[in-house]
Amino acid sequence: MQTRPRPSRPRLALLVGIGVWPIITTLLYLIRPVSQGWPVWLTTLALTPAMVIIMVWGLLPAIHRYFGKFLMRG
């Protein structure tokens, strides 16, 4: 029985980190005028749904599509 190759978690973590930073930065700049004076937890609560949607339907599929070979071990 042949086992399927598994993606490298460190490589995936690297690519996700590179992709998440500009998304979070952009979202923070967009919400900044509205959220001045809010506690950090409330700003985070407001950004979380957008970040999750962008990651699940945008960033992660793009990483697997464009960097799939890089992610695979061995």
Protein backbone atom coordinates (compact mmCIF):
# COMPACT_ATOMS: atom_id res chain seq x y z
CA MET A 1 0.00 0.00 0.00
CA GLN A 2 1.37 3.38 -1.01
CA THR A 3 1.00 6.36 1.33
CA ARG A 4 0.04 9.74 -0.04
CA PRO A 5 2.59 12.54 0.29
CA ARG A 6 1.71 15.07 2.95
CA PRO A 7 2.23 18.81 2.75
CA SER A 8 5.01 20.32 4.82
CA ARG A 9 3.53 22.15 7.79
CA PRO A 10 6.53 24.48 8.25
CA ARG A 11 6.33 25.52 4.59
CA LEU A 12 2.57 26.04 4.85
CA ALA A 13 3.07 28.10 8.03
CA LEU A 14 5.66 30.23 6.24
CA LEU A 15 3.38 30.91 3.27
CA VAL A 16 0.34 31.61 5.47
CA GLY A 17 2.38 34.02 7.56
CA ILE A 18 3.58 35.85 4.46
CA GLY A 19 0.02 36.02 3.12
CA VAL A 20 -1.71 36.97 6.36
CA TRP A 21 0.48 39.95 7.23
CA PRO A 22 -0.60 42.24 4.35
CA ILE A 23 -4.24 41.19 4.74
CA ILE A 24 -4.34 42.01 8.45
CA THR A 25 -2.46 45.26 7.87
CA THR A 26 -4.92 46.32 5.16
CA LEU A 27 -7.94 45.41 7.28
CA LEU A 28 -6.52 47.37 10.22
CA TYR A 29 -6.01 50.44 8.04
CA LEU A 30 -9.58 50.13 6.72
CA ILE A 31 -11.17 49.81 10.16
CA ARG A 32 -8.89 52.32 11.90
CA PRO A 33 -11.07 55.42 11.29
CA VAL A 34 -14.11 53.68 12.77
CA SER A 35 -12.39 51.85 15.60
CA GLN A 36 -10.33 54.62 17.20
CA GLY A 37 -10.89 54.44 20.92
CA TRP A 38 -12.13 50.84 20.82
CA PRO A 39 -10.44 48.30 23.07
CA VAL A 40 -8.13 45.88 21.25
CA TRP A 41 -10.47 42.93 21.84
CA LEU A 42 -13.35 44.73 20.07
CA THR A 43 -11.20 45.64 17.07
CA THR A 44 -10.07 42.02 16.85
CA LEU A 45 -13.67 40.84 17.12
CA ALA A 46 -14.65 43.11 14.23
CA LEU A 47 -11.77 41.93 12.01
CA THR A 48 -12.01 38.20 12.69
CA PRO A 49 -14.98 37.35 10.41
CA ALA A 50 -13.41 39.15 7.43
CA MET A 51 -10.02 37.52 8.06
CA VAL A 52 -11.51 34.04 8.31
CA ILE A 53 -13.51 34.47 5.10
CA ILE A 54 -10.48 35.81 3.21
CA MET A 55 -8.30 32.96 4.46
CA VAL A 56 -10.75 30.11 3.84
CA TRP A 57 -11.99 31.19 0.41
CA GLY A 58 -8.99 33.17 -0.84
CA LEU A 59 -5.59 32.78 0.76
CA LEU A 60 -5.49 29.05 1.53
CA PRO A 61 -6.85 27.91 -1.86
CA ALA A 62 -4.39 30.25 -3.60
CA ILE A 63 -1.47 28.88 -1.58
CA HIS A 64 -2.40 25.31 -2.47
CA ARG A 65 -3.00 26.18 -6.12
CA TYR A 66 0.18 28.17 -6.72
CA PHE A 67 2.56 26.59 -4.20
CA GLY A 68 1.28 23.00 -4.08
CA LYS A 69 4.55 21.49 -5.31
CA PHE A 70 6.55 23.56 -2.82
CA LEU A 71 4.34 22.31 0.01
CA MET A 72 4.70 18.63 -0.75
CA ARG A 73 7.38 16.73 1.12
CA GLY A 74 10.15 14.78 -0.48
